[in-house]
Amino acid sequence: MPRRHWHELDRTWTIRTDGSQMRLMHRRTMDMEINGHEWWSWDGKTVWFDLQTPRSEDFWIAGMNAKLFF
């Protein structure tokens, strides 16, 4: 598999331990958008990640409700 840069990938997914039900949590909406550095909230209800738009000095923390994916 060729190596790709993280601004070329949709990289925040959920997947069951048996490999089933792989679901994308965040789809990139623009060229060069990046997201990553995922972590769970303390209560296990939200998956948080770093979200950056291209050529920007602005960075956001975005979160997705984990119940929507399980």
PDB file of N, CA and C in Angstrom:
ATOM      1  N   MET A   1       0.849  -1.175   0.000  1.00  0.00           N
ATOM      2  CA  MET A   1       0.000   0.000   0.000  1.00  0.00           C
ATOM      3  C   MET A   1       0.896   1.239   0.000  1.00  0.00           C
ATOM      4  N   PRO A   2       0.643   2.168  -0.885  1.00  0.00           N
ATOM      5  CA  PRO A   2       1.476   3.384  -0.918  1.00  0.00           C
ATOM      6  C   PRO A   2       1.252   4.250   0.313  1.00  0.00           C
ATOM      7  N   ARG A   3       2.304   4.907   0.735  1.00  0.00           N
ATOM      8  CA  ARG A   3       2.185   5.832   1.866  1.00  0.00           C
ATOM      9  C   ARG A   3       1.466   7.088   1.408  1.00  0.00           C
ATOM     10  N   ARG A   4       0.629   7.618   2.273  1.00  0.00           N
ATOM     11  CA  ARG A   4      -0.089   8.851   1.961  1.00  0.00           C
ATOM     12  C   ARG A   4       0.058   9.805   3.125  1.00  0.00           C
ATOM     13  N   HIS A   5      -0.028  11.080   2.821  1.00  0.00           N
ATOM     14  CA  HIS A   5       0.024  12.108   3.858  1.00  0.00           C
ATOM     15  C   HIS A   5      -1.329  12.182   4.560  1.00  0.00           C
ATOM     16  N   TRP A   6      -1.305  12.626   5.811  1.00  0.00           N
ATOM     17  CA  TRP A   6      -2.556  12.600   6.570  1.00  0.00           C
ATOM     18  C   TRP A   6      -3.574  13.610   6.069  1.00  0.00           C
ATOM     19  N   HIS A   7      -3.167  14.618   5.297  1.00  0.00           N
ATOM     20  CA  HIS A   7      -4.154  15.538   4.719  1.00  0.00           C
ATOM     21  C   HIS A   7      -4.847  14.914   3.502  1.00  0.00           C
ATOM     22  N   GLU A   8      -4.440  13.702   3.114  1.00  0.00           N
ATOM     23  CA  GLU A   8      -5.069  12.992   2.000  1.00  0.00           C
ATOM     24  C   GLU A   8      -6.018  11.888   2.475  1.00  0.00           C
ATOM     25  N   LEU A   9      -6.131  11.720   3.779  1.00  0.00           N
ATOM     26  CA  LEU A   9      -6.871  10.582   4.326  1.00  0.00           C
ATOM     27  C   LEU A   9      -8.065  11.007   5.170  1.00  0.00           C
ATOM     28  N   ASP A  10      -9.094  10.192   5.146  1.00  0.00           N
ATOM     29  CA  ASP A  10     -10.154  10.267   6.150  1.00  0.00           C
ATOM     30  C   ASP A  10      -9.720   9.305   7.245  1.00  0.00           C
ATOM     31  N   ARG A  11      -9.263   9.808   8.388  1.00  0.00           N
ATOM     32  CA  ARG A  11      -8.550   8.938   9.316  1.00  0.00           C
ATOM     33  C   ARG A  11      -9.225   8.666  10.647  1.00  0.00           C
ATOM     34  N   THR A  12     -10.375   9.253  10.943  1.00  0.00           N
ATOM     35  CA  THR A  12     -11.011   8.994  12.235  1.00  0.00           C
ATOM     36  C   THR A  12     -12.166   8.016  12.035  1.00  0.00           C
ATOM     37  N   TRP A  13     -11.949   6.778  12.457  1.00  0.00           N
ATOM     38  CA  TRP A  13     -12.893   5.683  12.259  1.00  0.00           C
ATOM     39  C   TRP A  13     -13.196   4.996  13.581  1.00  0.00           C
ATOM     40  N   THR A  14     -14.326   4.294  13.628  1.00  0.00           N
ATOM     41  CA  THR A  14     -14.584   3.330  14.693  1.00  0.00           C
ATOM     42  C   THR A  14     -14.646   1.955  14.039  1.00  0.00           C
ATOM     43  N   ILE A  15     -14.292   0.940  14.816  1.00  0.00           N
ATOM     44  CA  ILE A  15     -14.331  -0.438  14.324  1.00  0.00           C
ATOM     45  C   ILE A  15     -14.470  -1.366  15.529  1.00  0.00           C
ATOM     46  N   ARG A  16     -15.253  -2.402  15.387  1.00  0.00           N
ATOM     47  CA  ARG A  16     -15.397  -3.390  16.464  1.00  0.00           C
ATOM     48  C   ARG A  16     -14.139  -4.250  16.537  1.00  0.00           C
ATOM     49  N   THR A  17     -13.910  -4.856  17.682  1.00  0.00           N
ATOM     50  CA  THR A  17     -12.696  -5.653  17.873  1.00  0.00           C
ATOM     51  C   THR A  17     -12.637  -6.869  16.955  1.00  0.00           C
ATOM     52  N   ASP A  18     -13.788  -7.327  16.434  1.00  0.00           N
ATOM     53  CA  ASP A  18     -13.768  -8.455  15.499  1.00  0.00           C
ATOM     54  C   ASP A  18     -13.563  -7.994  14.056  1.00  0.00           C
ATOM     55  N   GLY A  19     -13.359  -6.678  13.848  1.00  0.00           N
ATOM     56  CA  GLY A  19     -13.112  -6.128  12.515  1.00  0.00           C
ATOM     57  C   GLY A  19     -14.367  -5.719  11.767  1.00  0.00           C
ATOM     58  N   SER A  20     -15.523  -5.889  12.362  1.00  0.00           N
ATOM     59  CA  SER A  20     -16.777  -5.541  11.693  1.00  0.00           C
ATOM     60  C   SER A  20     -17.191  -4.102  12.004  1.00  0.00           C
ATOM     61  N   GLN A  21     -18.166  -3.645  11.270  1.00  0.00           N
ATOM     62  CA  GLN A  21     -18.805  -2.342  11.476  1.00  0.00           C
ATOM     63  C   GLN A  21     -17.828  -1.171  11.476  1.00  0.00           C
ATOM     64  N   MET A  22     -16.931  -1.152  10.515  1.00  0.00           N
ATOM     65  CA  MET A  22     -16.020  -0.018  10.386  1.00  0.00           C
ATOM     66  C   MET A  22     -16.822   1.191   9.893  1.00  0.00           C
ATOM     67  N   ARG A  23     -16.754   2.294  10.644  1.00  0.00           N
ATOM     68  CA  ARG A  23     -17.520   3.498  10.298  1.00  0.00           C
ATOM     69  C   ARG A  23     -16.636   4.731  10.376  1.00  0.00           C
ATOM     70  N   LEU A  24     -16.753   5.556   9.378  1.00  0.00           N
ATOM     71  CA  LEU A  24     -16.017   6.814   9.339  1.00  0.00           C
ATOM     72  C   LEU A  24     -16.694   7.820  10.265  1.00  0.00           C
ATOM     73  N   MET A  25     -15.930   8.444  11.148  1.00  0.00           N
ATOM     74  CA  MET A  25     -16.487   9.435  12.076  1.00  0.00           C
ATOM     75  C   MET A  25     -16.445  10.846  11.502  1.00  0.00           C
ATOM     76  N   HIS A  26     -15.419  11.155  10.743  1.00  0.00           N
ATOM     77  CA  HIS A  26     -15.299  12.500  10.176  1.00  0.00           C
ATOM     78  C   HIS A  26     -14.753  12.407   8.759  1.00  0.00           C
ATOM     79  N   ARG A  27     -15.532  12.848   7.787  1.00  0.00           N
ATOM     80  CA  ARG A  27     -15.087  12.894   6.393  1.00  0.00           C
ATOM     81  C   ARG A  27     -14.554  14.290   6.094  1.00  0.00           C
ATOM     82  N   ARG A  28     -13.389  14.343   5.480  1.00  0.00           N
ATOM     83  CA  ARG A  28     -12.811  15.634   5.094  1.00  0.00           C
ATOM     84  C   ARG A  28     -13.778  16.364   4.162  1.00  0.00           C
ATOM     85  N   THR A  29     -13.914  17.669   4.339  1.00  0.00           N
ATOM     86  CA  THR A  29     -14.853  18.451   3.533  1.00  0.00           C
ATOM     87  C   THR A  29     -14.164  19.385   2.558  1.00  0.00           C
ATOM     88  N   MET A  30     -12.828  19.468   2.639  1.00  0.00           N
ATOM     89  CA  MET A  30     -12.091  20.335   1.719  1.00  0.00           C
ATOM     90  C   MET A  30     -10.690  19.780   1.504  1.00  0.00           C
ATOM     91  N   ASP A  31     -10.093  20.140   0.392  1.00  0.00           N
ATOM     92  CA  ASP A  31      -8.734  19.715   0.082  1.00  0.00           C
ATOM     93  C   ASP A  31      -7.776  20.210   1.164  1.00  0.00           C
ATOM     94  N   MET A  32      -6.879  19.357   1.589  1.00  0.00           N
ATOM     95  CA  MET A  32      -5.828  19.660   2.565  1.00  0.00           C
ATOM     96  C   MET A  32      -6.337  19.787   4.002  1.00  0.00           C
ATOM     97  N   GLU A  33      -7.604  19.510   4.260  1.00  0.00           N
ATOM     98  CA  GLU A  33      -8.100  19.488   5.642  1.00  0.00           C
ATOM     99  C   GLU A  33      -7.480  18.290   6.358  1.00  0.00           C
ATOM    100  N   ILE A  34      -7.148  18.456   7.622  1.00  0.00           N
ATOM    101  CA  ILE A  34      -6.596  17.340   8.380  1.00  0.00           C
ATOM    102  C   ILE A  34      -7.303  17.205   9.727  1.00  0.00           C
ATOM    103  N   ASN A  35      -7.385  15.977  10.179  1.00  0.00           N
ATOM    104  CA  ASN A  35      -7.864  15.707  11.530  1.00  0.00           C
ATOM    105  C   ASN A  35      -7.104  14.507  12.069  1.00  0.00           C
ATOM    106  N   GLY A  36      -6.910  14.514  13.361  1.00  0.00           N
ATOM    107  CA  GLY A  36      -6.170  13.413  13.967  1.00  0.00           C
ATOM    108  C   GLY A  36      -5.990  13.629  15.454  1.00  0.00           C
ATOM    109  N   HIS A  37      -5.041  12.895  16.018  1.00  0.00           N
ATOM    110  CA  HIS A  37      -4.740  12.963  17.459  1.00  0.00           C
ATOM    111  C   HIS A  37      -6.005  12.699  18.275  1.00  0.00           C
ATOM    112  N   GLU A  38      -6.695  11.625  17.940  1.00  0.00           N
ATOM    113  CA  GLU A  38      -7.974  11.293  18.559  1.00  0.00           C
ATOM    114  C   GLU A  38      -7.803  10.849  20.008  1.00  0.00           C
ATOM    115  N   TRP A  39      -8.813  11.156  20.830  1.00  0.00           N
ATOM    116  CA  TRP A  39      -8.842  10.656  22.209  1.00  0.00           C
ATOM    117  C   TRP A  39     -10.283  10.622  22.699  1.00  0.00           C
ATOM    118  N   TRP A  40     -10.515   9.752  23.676  1.00  0.00           N
ATOM    119  CA  TRP A  40     -11.832   9.600  24.284  1.00  0.00           C
ATOM    120  C   TRP A  40     -12.022  10.605  25.408  1.00  0.00           C
ATOM    121  N   SER A  41     -13.261  11.039  25.585  1.00  0.00           N
ATOM    122  CA  SER A  41     -13.601  11.860  26.750  1.00  0.00           C
ATOM    123  C   SER A  41     -13.515  10.998  28.006  1.00  0.00           C
ATOM    124  N   TRP A  42     -13.455  11.639  29.141  1.00  0.00           N
ATOM    125  CA  TRP A  42     -13.322  10.914  30.412  1.00  0.00           C
ATOM    126  C   TRP A  42     -14.491   9.973  30.672  1.00  0.00           C
ATOM    127  N   ASP A  43     -15.685  10.323  30.143  1.00  0.00           N
ATOM    128  CA  ASP A  43     -16.864   9.491  30.391  1.00  0.00           C
ATOM    129  C   ASP A  43     -17.136   8.484  29.273  1.00  0.00           C
ATOM    130  N   GLY A  44     -16.295   8.462  28.237  1.00  0.00           N
ATOM    131  CA  GLY A  44     -16.442   7.506  27.148  1.00  0.00           C
ATOM    132  C   GLY A  44     -17.563   7.810  26.180  1.00  0.00           C
ATOM    133  N   LYS A  45     -18.135   9.004  26.240  1.00  0.00           N
ATOM    134  CA  LYS A  45     -19.271   9.346  25.386  1.00  0.00           C
ATOM    135  C   LYS A  45     -18.885  10.093  24.116  1.00  0.00           C
ATOM    136  N   THR A  46     -17.707  10.685  24.085  1.00  0.00           N
ATOM    137  CA  THR A  46     -17.290  11.524  22.965  1.00  0.00           C
ATOM    138  C   THR A  46     -15.889  11.138  22.511  1.00  0.00           C
ATOM    139  N   VAL A  47     -15.699  11.118  21.197  1.00  0.00           N
ATOM    140  CA  VAL A  47     -14.354  10.994  20.638  1.00  0.00           C
ATOM    141  C   VAL A  47     -13.955  12.387  20.166  1.00  0.00           C
ATOM    142  N   TRP A  48     -12.878  12.909  20.715  1.00  0.00           N
ATOM    143  CA  TRP A  48     -12.374  14.236  20.376  1.00  0.00           C
ATOM    144  C   TRP A  48     -11.203  14.102  19.412  1.00  0.00           C
ATOM    145  N   PHE A  49     -10.990  15.121  18.578  1.00  0.00           N
ATOM    146  CA  PHE A  49      -9.845  15.110  17.673  1.00  0.00           C
ATOM    147  C   PHE A  49      -9.457  16.529  17.294  1.00  0.00           C
ATOM    148  N   ASP A  50      -8.226  16.663  16.866  1.00  0.00           N
ATOM    149  CA  ASP A  50      -7.675  17.924  16.376  1.00  0.00           C
ATOM    150  C   ASP A  50      -8.149  18.106  14.943  1.00  0.00           C
ATOM    151  N   LEU A  51      -8.705  19.270  14.606  1.00  0.00           N
ATOM    152  CA  LEU A  51      -9.213  19.557  13.269  1.00  0.00           C
ATOM    153  C   LEU A  51      -8.560  20.832  12.764  1.00  0.00           C
ATOM    154  N   GLN A  52      -7.991  20.763  11.561  1.00  0.00           N
ATOM    155  CA  GLN A  52      -7.295  21.918  10.983  1.00  0.00           C
ATOM    156  C   GLN A  52      -7.733  22.110   9.538  1.00  0.00           C
ATOM    157  N   THR A  53      -7.978  23.356   9.168  1.00  0.00           N
ATOM    158  CA  THR A  53      -8.295  23.666   7.780  1.00  0.00           C
ATOM    159  C   THR A  53      -7.012  24.063   7.060  1.00  0.00           C
ATOM    160  N   PRO A  54      -6.997  23.941   5.745  1.00  0.00           N
ATOM    161  CA  PRO A  54      -5.758  24.182   5.001  1.00  0.00           C
ATOM    162  C   PRO A  54      -5.277  25.628   5.082  1.00  0.00           C
ATOM    163  N   ARG A  55      -3.966  25.735   5.085  1.00  0.00           N
ATOM    164  CA  ARG A  55      -3.295  27.039   5.061  1.00  0.00           C
ATOM    165  C   ARG A  55      -3.827  27.980   6.143  1.00  0.00           C
ATOM    166  N   SER A  56      -4.081  27.425   7.293  1.00  0.00           N
ATOM    167  CA  SER A  56      -4.662  28.210   8.368  1.00  0.00           C
ATOM    168  C   SER A  56      -3.793  28.126   9.604  1.00  0.00           C
ATOM    169  N   GLU A  57      -3.870  29.137  10.394  1.00  0.00           N
ATOM    170  CA  GLU A  57      -3.218  29.100  11.687  1.00  0.00           C
ATOM    171  C   GLU A  57      -4.233  28.792  12.782  1.00  0.00           C
ATOM    172  N   ASP A  58      -5.458  28.505  12.361  1.00  0.00           N
ATOM    173  CA  ASP A  58      -6.522  28.178  13.307  1.00  0.00           C
ATOM    174  C   ASP A  58      -6.633  26.669  13.453  1.00  0.00           C
ATOM    175  N   PHE A  59      -6.735  26.216  14.695  1.00  0.00           N
ATOM    176  CA  PHE A  59      -6.884  24.807  15.005  1.00  0.00           C
ATOM    177  C   PHE A  59      -8.096  24.663  15.914  1.00  0.00           C
ATOM    178  N   TRP A  60      -8.846  23.587  15.731  1.00  0.00           N
ATOM    179  CA  TRP A  60     -10.038  23.366  16.526  1.00  0.00           C
ATOM    180  C   TRP A  60      -9.972  22.009  17.198  1.00  0.00           C
ATOM    181  N   ILE A  61     -10.708  21.891  18.272  1.00  0.00           N
ATOM    182  CA  ILE A  61     -10.967  20.600  18.883  1.00  0.00           C
ATOM    183  C   ILE A  61     -12.402  20.252  18.504  1.00  0.00           C
ATOM    184  N   ALA A  62     -12.572  19.142  17.802  1.00  0.00           N
ATOM    185  CA  ALA A  62     -13.896  18.702  17.375  1.00  0.00           C
ATOM    186  C   ALA A  62     -14.241  17.414  18.111  1.00  0.00           C
ATOM    187  N   GLY A  63     -15.519  17.194  18.332  1.00  0.00           N
ATOM    188  CA  GLY A  63     -15.954  15.986  19.016  1.00  0.00           C
ATOM    189  C   GLY A  63     -17.148  15.354  18.328  1.00  0.00           C
ATOM    190  N   MET A  64     -17.215  14.033  18.407  1.00  0.00           N
ATOM    191  CA  MET A  64     -18.330  13.281  17.850  1.00  0.00           C
ATOM    192  C   MET A  64     -18.923  12.408  18.950  1.00  0.00           C
ATOM    193  N   ASN A  65     -20.237  12.345  19.010  1.00  0.00           N
ATOM    194  CA  ASN A  65     -20.932  11.498  19.977  1.00  0.00           C
ATOM    195  C   ASN A  65     -20.691  10.034  19.603  1.00  0.00           C
ATOM    196  N   ALA A  66     -20.034   9.288  20.458  1.00  0.00           N
ATOM    197  CA  ALA A  66     -19.681   7.899  20.165  1.00  0.00           C
ATOM    198  C   ALA A  66     -20.908   7.006  19.997  1.00  0.00           C
ATOM    199  N   LYS A  67     -22.028   7.322  20.632  1.00  0.00           N
ATOM    200  CA  LYS A  67     -23.240   6.499  20.512  1.00  0.00           C
ATOM    201  C   LYS A  67     -23.743   6.430  19.071  1.00  0.00           C
ATOM    202  N   LEU A  68     -23.443   7.423  18.268  1.00  0.00           N
ATOM    203  CA  LEU A  68     -23.880   7.424  16.874  1.00  0.00           C
ATOM    204  C   LEU A  68     -23.164   6.364  16.050  1.00  0.00           C
ATOM    205  N   PHE A  69     -22.082   5.802  16.576  1.00  0.00           N
ATOM    206  CA  PHE A  69     -21.243   4.895  15.798  1.00  0.00           C
ATOM    207  C   PHE A  69     -21.210   3.475  16.338  1.00  0.00           C
ATOM    208  N   PHE A  70     -21.909   3.217  17.444  1.00  0.00           N
ATOM    209  CA  PHE A  70     -21.917   1.859  18.015  1.00  0.00           C
ATOM    210  C   PHE A  70     -23.325   1.359  18.192  1.00  0.00           C
TER     211      PHE A  70
END
